[in-house]
Amino acid sequence: GSLASEPPSILVLGGGLGGLNLAMRLSQMPWRTKPEVKLIDPKDRYVFLPLLIDYATGIVELDEFAPRFQDLLEEASGVQHIQ
């Protein structure tokens, strides 16, 4: 196939707070041709550092402190996590 038939891609480097929010917002925008949004991060989890002490002391579980990108992006159609 030709390149014109493939949807455009947007690469978001880094799955920190900014990268994750950007990827999710891009997937919700009203595009004429919806792009494939790819979130590139070597980790499989988003680490929410403010909860680190709560996780260390057993107040929160791992999935609350560091949810998997796959779980976070389930609702954001068109966002793919690449490790």
Protein backbone atom coordinates (compact mmCIF):
# COMPACT_ATOMS: atom_id res chain seq x y z
CA GLY A 1 0.00 0.00 0.00
CA SER A 2 0.94 3.59 -0.39
CA LEU A 3 1.82 5.88 2.46
CA ALA A 4 -1.29 7.98 1.76
CA SER A 5 -3.57 5.11 2.84
CA GLU A 6 -1.89 4.69 6.24
CA PRO A 7 -3.05 6.89 9.12
CA PRO A 8 -0.50 9.40 10.39
CA SER A 9 1.44 8.53 13.54
CA ILE A 10 2.31 10.71 16.50
CA LEU A 11 5.10 9.50 18.77
CA VAL A 12 5.08 10.64 22.39
CA LEU A 13 8.43 9.99 24.05
CA GLY A 14 8.21 9.25 27.76
CA GLY A 15 5.32 8.02 29.84
CA GLY A 16 5.62 10.45 32.72
CA LEU A 17 2.79 12.74 33.75
CA GLY A 18 3.18 15.02 30.73
CA GLY A 19 3.66 12.28 28.14
CA LEU A 20 0.77 10.17 29.41
CA ASN A 21 -1.61 13.14 29.53
CA LEU A 22 -0.51 14.30 26.08
CA ALA A 23 -1.06 10.86 24.52
CA MET A 24 -4.52 10.56 26.08
CA ARG A 25 -5.52 14.09 25.01
CA LEU A 26 -4.29 13.53 21.46
CA SER A 27 -6.46 10.43 21.21
CA GLN A 28 -9.55 12.48 22.17
CA MET A 29 -9.06 15.36 19.73
CA PRO A 30 -11.44 15.73 16.75
CA TRP A 31 -9.03 14.81 13.95
CA ARG A 32 -10.03 14.82 10.29
CA THR A 33 -7.90 11.69 9.91
CA LYS A 34 -7.36 10.09 13.32
CA PRO A 35 -3.65 9.44 13.90
CA GLU A 36 -2.11 6.45 15.62
CA VAL A 37 -0.74 7.79 18.91
CA LYS A 38 2.22 5.79 20.19
CA LEU A 39 3.46 6.31 23.74
CA ILE A 40 7.08 5.18 23.93
CA ASP A 41 8.44 4.34 27.36
CA PRO A 42 10.82 1.54 28.39
CA LYS A 43 8.81 0.77 31.52
CA ASP A 44 5.52 -1.12 31.55
CA ARG A 45 4.07 1.02 34.37
CA TYR A 46 3.34 4.68 35.04
CA VAL A 47 4.91 5.50 38.41
CA PHE A 48 3.03 8.14 40.44
CA LEU A 49 5.84 9.29 42.74
CA PRO A 50 3.67 11.21 45.24
CA LEU A 51 2.32 7.82 46.37
CA LEU A 52 5.77 6.30 46.88
CA ILE A 53 5.72 6.65 50.67
CA ASP A 54 2.17 5.25 50.79
CA TYR A 55 3.28 2.25 48.76
CA ALA A 56 6.39 1.75 50.89
CA THR A 57 4.32 1.74 54.07
CA GLY A 58 1.64 -0.55 52.67
CA ILE A 59 -1.17 2.02 52.49
CA VAL A 60 -1.67 1.59 48.73
CA GLU A 61 -1.21 -1.40 46.44
CA LEU A 62 1.23 -1.61 43.52
CA ASP A 63 -1.51 -1.05 40.92
CA GLU A 64 -2.54 2.17 42.67
CA PHE A 65 1.03 3.48 42.94
CA ALA A 66 2.25 2.23 39.56
CA PRO A 67 -0.58 1.19 37.23
CA ARG A 68 0.31 -0.57 33.98
CA PHE A 69 0.23 1.60 30.86
CA GLN A 70 -1.93 -1.05 29.22
CA ASP A 71 -4.58 -0.61 31.93
CA LEU A 72 -4.43 3.20 31.84
CA LEU A 73 -4.72 3.36 28.06
CA GLU A 74 -7.64 0.93 27.71
CA GLU A 75 -10.13 3.79 27.46
CA ALA A 76 -7.94 5.91 25.17
CA SER A 77 -8.67 4.34 21.82
CA GLY A 78 -5.89 4.79 19.35
CA VAL A 79 -3.06 4.99 21.91
CA GLN A 80 -0.51 2.21 21.79
CA HIS A 81 2.22 1.73 24.41
CA ILE A 82 5.58 0.71 22.97
CA GLN A 83 8.25 -0.49 25.35
